Amino acid sequence: MSEPTGAARRRGPFEVGDQVQLTDPKGRHYTFTLEAGKNFHTHKGSFPHDELIGAPEGSVVRTTGNVAYLALRPLLPDYVLSMPRGAAVVYPKDAGQILAFADIFPGARVVEAGVGSGSLSSFLLRAIGDQGMLHSYERRADFAEIATANVERYFGGPHPAWQLTVGDLQDNLSDTDVDRVILDMLAPWECLEAVSKALVPGGILCCYVATTTQLSRTVESIREFGCYAEPQPWESMIRNWHVEGLAVRPDHRMIGHTGFLVTARRLADGVEPPMRRRRPSKGAYGEDYEGPGSQSRGADRD
């Protein structure tokens, strides 16, 4: 039985073509691709790539300036933060939340809109495996080109489960019986009709948006659309800790807001979502509210 795509590049001695992440004494990272006969240069000296080719992962190399660097293969979270960018990447903390709360499983059939630089595509492909299906849609051809190069660099070539279409999701979506839909775009509410036809009952819609205005519009639109269970919105933040002897305290910097996530389960056709038991607070929808359902709520007030 052959190994899953990219698995062979994650273990064993370093080989030509492998990505290497060097860590200097101050904890700074440097990522490059191993090439026979080449040299790696820093302001602290250089060393030949050949010193690492054939060496086990976790080796230490020294530059001509006698500075030690720890050599490891970059983890996927490290890789996506250092790869060339067209658009902003989905941060690992958000990608991890998407994999967990959108319940991405091996063999899943997933549609993704808004490929950007290929960060989330890489996480999704590794989760669904070779037997799954990821159909990604990207409006901009230049972003699609960058994403393709980044994904293929990580996996060592084209991934058999990936299909990338350049164009609008609304105009090009032809997939059916889709398990999960991930929308990383400015106006995900515009795609609800198209993705709802593609999602299987019980499937999950996951939207990634940047602002509170987008969050509100997305949640209210999903509620108004009527074929989803109550949407769940949230954000995550990461705070590292400094631990050295008795000095145990939170770091001065943290990874704060990067985006909001919303998930919702697709209901069976013809089923209306149960009425929410929790009522919004008085004044949650003011007189000047013009979002989804504003007419019906106005009638209720009358």
Protein backbone atom coordinates (compact mmCIF):
# COMPACT_ATOMS: atom_id res chain seq x y z
CA MET A 1 0.00 0.00 0.00
CA SER A 2 1.45 3.34 -1.06
CA GLU A 3 1.95 6.11 1.46
CA PRO A 4 -0.42 9.11 1.51
CA THR A 5 0.68 12.04 -0.61
CA GLY A 6 3.45 13.98 1.09
CA ALA A 7 3.98 11.50 3.94
CA ALA A 8 7.40 10.38 2.72
CA ARG A 9 8.62 13.98 2.89
CA ARG A 10 7.79 14.16 6.59
CA ARG A 11 10.23 11.52 7.90
CA GLY A 12 13.70 10.07 7.40
CA PRO A 13 17.02 11.80 6.60
CA PHE A 14 17.03 15.12 4.76
CA GLU A 15 16.96 14.77 0.98
CA VAL A 16 17.42 17.10 -1.97
CA GLY A 17 14.21 19.07 -2.45
CA ASP A 18 13.19 18.92 1.22
CA GLN A 19 12.09 22.07 3.04
CA VAL A 20 14.37 22.82 5.99
CA GLN A 21 13.66 25.17 8.88
CA LEU A 22 16.68 26.50 10.73
CA THR A 23 16.34 27.93 14.23
CA ASP A 24 19.06 30.28 15.46
CA PRO A 25 20.08 30.80 19.12
CA LYS A 26 17.49 33.61 19.46
CA GLY A 27 14.66 31.39 18.21
CA ARG A 28 14.36 33.00 14.77
CA HIS A 29 13.38 30.76 11.88
CA TYR A 30 14.83 30.53 8.36
CA THR A 31 13.22 28.25 5.76
CA PHE A 32 14.84 27.09 2.51
CA THR A 33 14.88 24.16 0.07
CA LEU A 34 17.83 21.78 0.02
CA GLU A 35 19.85 21.81 -3.22
CA ALA A 36 23.07 19.89 -3.83
CA GLY A 37 26.12 22.14 -4.14
CA LYS A 38 24.35 25.26 -2.78
CA ASN A 39 25.26 27.29 0.31
CA PHE A 40 22.99 28.85 2.93
CA HIS A 41 24.07 32.39 3.79
CA THR A 42 23.28 34.51 6.84
CA HIS A 43 24.88 37.59 8.40
CA LYS A 44 26.44 35.09 10.83
CA GLY A 45 28.25 33.12 8.11
CA SER A 46 27.31 30.28 5.79
CA PHE A 47 27.34 26.51 5.44
CA PRO A 48 26.86 24.10 2.48
CA HIS A 49 23.52 22.38 1.93
CA ASP A 50 25.48 19.16 1.49
CA GLU A 51 26.11 19.12 5.25
CA LEU A 52 22.40 18.46 5.79
CA ILE A 53 21.67 16.18 2.82
CA GLY A 54 21.56 12.67 4.27
CA ALA A 55 21.67 13.93 7.87
CA PRO A 56 18.86 13.02 10.31
CA GLU A 57 16.21 15.57 11.15
CA GLY A 58 17.05 17.40 14.35
CA SER A 59 20.71 17.88 13.41
CA VAL A 60 22.73 20.97 14.35
CA VAL A 61 24.91 22.75 11.79
CA ARG A 62 27.44 25.52 12.34
CA THR A 63 28.14 28.40 10.03
CA THR A 64 31.56 29.74 9.14
CA GLY A 65 30.93 32.25 11.93
CA ASN A 66 30.59 29.35 14.41
CA VAL A 67 26.88 30.00 15.04
CA ALA A 68 24.80 26.85 15.67
CA TYR A 69 21.47 26.31 13.90
CA LEU A 70 18.96 23.57 14.66
CA ALA A 71 17.67 21.93 11.44
CA LEU A 72 14.15 20.47 11.29
CA ARG A 73 11.48 20.09 8.66
CA PRO A 74 8.95 22.91 9.06
CA LEU A 75 5.61 21.92 10.52
CA LEU A 76 2.62 22.86 8.39
CA PRO A 77 1.81 25.83 10.70
CA ASP A 78 5.40 27.05 10.22
CA TYR A 79 5.27 26.48 6.48
CA VAL A 80 2.09 28.48 5.84
CA LEU A 81 3.42 31.46 7.78
CA SER A 82 6.64 31.57 5.74
CA MET A 83 5.35 30.68 2.26
CA PRO A 84 5.03 33.27 -0.55
CA ARG A 85 1.75 35.17 -0.34
CA GLY A 86 -0.71 36.59 -2.79
CA ALA A 87 -3.50 37.16 -0.29
CA ALA A 88 -3.35 36.97 3.48
CA VAL A 89 -3.12 33.42 4.80
CA VAL A 90 -5.57 31.69 7.13
CA TYR A 91 -3.62 31.55 10.39
CA PRO A 92 -2.91 28.11 11.86
CA LYS A 93 -5.05 28.88 14.92
CA ASP A 94 -8.07 29.44 12.66
CA ALA A 95 -7.24 26.53 10.36
CA GLY A 96 -7.13 24.26 13.40
CA GLN A 97 -10.55 25.52 14.54
CA ILE A 98 -11.96 24.91 11.06
CA LEU A 99 -10.62 21.35 10.93
CA ALA A 100 -12.08 20.61 14.37
CA PHE A 101 -15.42 22.40 14.37
CA ALA A 102 -16.24 21.86 10.71
CA ASP A 103 -15.41 18.20 11.44
CA ILE A 104 -13.13 17.64 8.44
CA PHE A 105 -12.64 13.87 8.19
CA PRO A 106 -10.61 11.50 5.96
CA GLY A 107 -12.42 10.98 2.66
CA ALA A 108 -14.64 14.06 3.07
CA ARG A 109 -15.93 15.89 0.01
CA VAL A 110 -15.17 19.57 0.64
CA VAL A 111 -15.80 22.76 -1.32
CA GLU A 112 -13.65 25.80 -0.51
CA ALA A 113 -14.13 29.33 -1.84
CA GLY A 114 -11.37 31.90 -1.49
CA VAL A 115 -8.07 30.04 -1.87
CA GLY A 116 -5.83 33.03 -1.21
CA SER A 117 -2.26 31.73 -0.86
CA GLY A 118 -3.18 28.07 -0.29
CA SER A 119 -2.82 27.94 3.49
CA LEU A 120 -6.23 26.48 4.34
CA SER A 121 -6.14 24.29 1.22
CA SER A 122 -3.01 22.60 2.56
CA PHE A 123 -4.61 21.92 5.95
CA LEU A 124 -7.78 20.60 4.33
CA LEU A 125 -5.93 18.32 1.90
CA ARG A 126 -3.89 16.78 4.68
CA ALA A 127 -7.06 16.14 6.69
CA ILE A 128 -9.19 14.59 3.92
CA GLY A 129 -6.34 12.48 2.50
CA ASP A 130 -5.96 11.04 -1.00
CA GLN A 131 -9.43 9.47 -0.97
CA GLY A 132 -11.24 12.72 -0.24
CA MET A 133 -12.14 15.58 -2.58
CA LEU A 134 -11.33 19.27 -2.22
CA HIS A 135 -12.70 21.53 -4.93
CA SER A 136 -11.38 25.05 -4.41
CA TYR A 137 -12.68 28.18 -6.14
CA GLU A 138 -10.63 31.36 -6.50
CA ARG A 139 -11.72 34.48 -8.38
CA ARG A 140 -8.20 35.76 -9.07
CA ALA A 141 -5.92 33.83 -11.38
CA ASP A 142 -2.76 35.29 -9.80
CA PHE A 143 -3.81 34.08 -6.34
CA ALA A 144 -4.64 30.65 -7.77
CA GLU A 145 -1.17 30.41 -9.31
CA ILE A 146 0.55 31.28 -6.04
CA ALA A 147 -1.66 28.87 -4.09
CA THR A 148 -0.93 26.03 -6.52
CA ALA A 149 2.81 26.54 -6.18
CA ASN A 150 2.60 26.65 -2.38
CA VAL A 151 0.46 23.52 -2.09
CA GLU A 152 2.59 21.53 -4.53
CA ARG A 153 5.78 22.64 -2.81
CA TYR A 154 4.49 21.33 0.51
CA PHE A 155 3.20 17.99 -0.79
CA GLY A 156 6.04 17.45 -3.26
CA GLY A 157 3.78 17.65 -6.33
CA PRO A 158 0.09 17.82 -7.32
CA HIS A 159 -2.31 16.41 -4.74
CA PRO A 160 -4.70 13.78 -6.19
CA ALA A 161 -7.65 15.04 -4.13
CA TRP A 162 -7.40 18.68 -5.21
CA GLN A 163 -9.20 20.49 -7.98
CA LEU A 164 -8.83 24.26 -8.39
CA THR A 165 -11.24 26.35 -10.45
CA VAL A 166 -10.60 30.01 -11.28
CA GLY A 167 -13.91 31.84 -11.15
CA ASP A 168 -16.84 32.75 -8.89
CA LEU A 169 -18.30 29.97 -6.78
CA GLN A 170 -21.84 31.11 -7.55
CA ASP A 171 -21.29 30.82 -11.30
CA ASN A 172 -19.21 27.64 -11.40
CA LEU A 173 -20.32 25.40 -8.53
CA SER A 174 -21.43 22.07 -9.99
CA ASP A 175 -20.49 19.74 -7.12
CA THR A 176 -23.22 17.72 -5.44
CA ASP A 177 -23.36 15.61 -2.26
CA VAL A 178 -20.77 17.81 -0.60
CA ASP A 179 -20.01 17.10 3.08
CA ARG A 180 -18.48 20.45 4.01
CA VAL A 181 -18.34 23.96 2.53
CA ILE A 182 -15.73 26.49 3.69
CA LEU A 183 -16.24 30.11 2.61
CA ASP A 184 -13.33 32.50 3.11
CA MET A 185 -14.62 35.56 1.27
CA LEU A 186 -15.97 39.07 1.69
CA ALA A 187 -19.68 38.25 1.25
CA PRO A 188 -20.38 34.58 2.04
CA TRP A 189 -24.12 35.30 2.31
CA GLU A 190 -24.20 35.77 -1.47
CA CYS A 191 -23.33 32.08 -1.93
CA LEU A 192 -25.93 30.56 0.41
CA GLU A 193 -28.31 29.46 -2.33
CA ALA A 194 -25.57 27.76 -4.37
CA VAL A 195 -23.86 25.96 -1.48
CA SER A 196 -27.13 24.89 0.13
CA LYS A 197 -28.00 22.95 -3.01
CA ALA A 198 -24.61 21.22 -2.92
CA LEU A 199 -24.52 20.33 0.81
CA VAL A 200 -25.87 16.99 2.02
CA PRO A 201 -28.33 16.96 4.96
CA GLY A 202 -26.24 17.18 8.11
CA GLY A 203 -23.38 18.80 6.20
CA ILE A 204 -21.56 21.77 7.64
CA LEU A 205 -21.21 25.28 6.29
CA CYS A 206 -18.25 27.18 7.75
CA CYS A 207 -17.66 30.88 7.03
CA TYR A 208 -14.50 32.84 7.84
CA VAL A 209 -14.94 36.62 7.96
CA ALA A 210 -12.83 39.49 9.26
CA THR A 211 -15.18 42.15 10.66
CA THR A 212 -18.14 42.35 13.04
CA THR A 213 -20.26 43.78 10.22
CA GLN A 214 -19.57 40.72 8.07
CA LEU A 215 -20.16 38.45 11.05
CA SER A 216 -23.58 39.96 11.74
CA ARG A 217 -24.65 39.83 8.09
CA THR A 218 -23.47 36.23 7.73
CA VAL A 219 -25.23 34.93 10.86
CA GLU A 220 -28.49 36.75 10.14
CA SER A 221 -28.47 35.61 6.50
CA ILE A 222 -27.98 31.97 7.49
CA ARG A 223 -30.89 32.24 9.95
CA GLU A 224 -33.08 33.91 7.36
CA PHE A 225 -32.24 31.35 4.66
CA GLY A 226 -34.10 28.78 6.68
CA CYS A 227 -32.45 25.43 5.88
CA TYR A 228 -29.79 25.49 8.60
CA ALA A 229 -29.75 24.84 12.32
CA GLU A 230 -28.80 27.79 14.53
CA PRO A 231 -25.41 29.16 13.38
CA GLN A 232 -22.55 29.23 15.88
CA PRO A 233 -20.20 32.27 15.70
CA TRP A 234 -16.91 32.61 17.61
CA GLU A 235 -13.30 33.73 17.49
CA SER A 236 -10.15 32.30 19.06
CA MET A 237 -7.05 33.90 20.54
CA ILE A 238 -3.71 32.41 21.54
CA ARG A 239 -1.55 33.62 24.41
CA ASN A 240 1.85 31.98 24.87
CA TRP A 241 3.53 31.78 28.26
CA HIS A 242 7.06 32.52 29.34
CA VAL A 243 8.34 29.75 31.62
CA GLU A 244 11.87 30.01 33.00
CA GLY A 245 12.53 28.90 36.54
CA LEU A 246 10.23 30.82 38.86
CA ALA A 247 9.46 33.39 36.16
CA VAL A 248 6.12 32.05 34.90
CA ARG A 249 4.00 34.69 33.21
CA PRO A 250 2.08 35.32 29.99
CA ASP A 251 4.06 36.67 27.06
CA HIS A 252 3.78 40.37 26.38
CA ARG A 253 2.45 39.67 22.87
CA MET A 254 -0.33 37.35 21.75
CA ILE A 255 -2.08 36.29 18.55
CA GLY A 256 -5.33 38.17 18.98
CA HIS A 257 -8.10 38.77 16.49
CA THR A 258 -7.52 37.37 13.01
CA GLY A 259 -11.07 36.55 11.98
CA PHE A 260 -14.49 35.26 13.02
CA LEU A 261 -15.77 31.76 12.30
CA VAL A 262 -19.38 30.70 11.83
CA THR A 263 -20.60 27.11 11.45
CA ALA A 264 -24.10 25.84 10.70
CA ARG A 265 -25.56 22.37 10.00
CA ARG A 266 -27.62 21.77 6.86
CA LEU A 267 -31.14 20.51 7.59
CA ALA A 268 -33.03 17.97 5.51
CA ASP A 269 -34.98 19.38 2.57
CA GLY A 270 -38.38 20.73 3.54
CA VAL A 271 -37.57 20.93 7.25
CA GLU A 272 -37.89 24.23 9.05
CA PRO A 273 -35.37 25.02 11.79
CA PRO A 274 -36.82 24.82 15.33
CA MET A 275 -37.62 28.20 16.81
CA ARG A 276 -34.89 29.56 19.04
CA ARG A 277 -35.85 29.48 22.71
CA ARG A 278 -33.52 32.34 23.61
CA ARG A 279 -34.98 35.68 22.56
CA PRO A 280 -32.71 38.56 21.60
CA SER A 281 -32.47 41.38 24.11
CA LYS A 282 -34.88 44.29 23.78
CA GLY A 283 -33.62 46.69 21.16
CA ALA A 284 -31.27 44.17 19.50
CA TYR A 285 -33.03 45.01 16.23
CA GLY A 286 -33.56 48.74 16.21
CA GLU A 287 -35.98 50.78 14.13
CA ASP A 288 -33.26 51.55 11.58
CA TYR A 289 -32.24 47.87 11.12
CA GLU A 290 -32.36 46.90 7.43
CA GLY A 291 -30.70 43.49 7.50
CA PRO A 292 -32.23 40.09 6.74
CA GLY A 293 -35.77 39.73 8.06
CA SER A 294 -36.19 43.43 8.76
CA GLN A 295 -39.61 43.55 7.05
CA SER A 296 -41.04 40.65 9.00
CA ARG A 297 -39.69 42.05 12.27
CA GLY A 298 -41.19 45.43 11.41
CA ALA A 299 -44.56 43.75 10.92
CA ASP A 300 -44.18 42.06 14.30
CA ARG A 301 -43.54 45.42 15.95
CA ASP A 302 -46.68 46.83 14.35
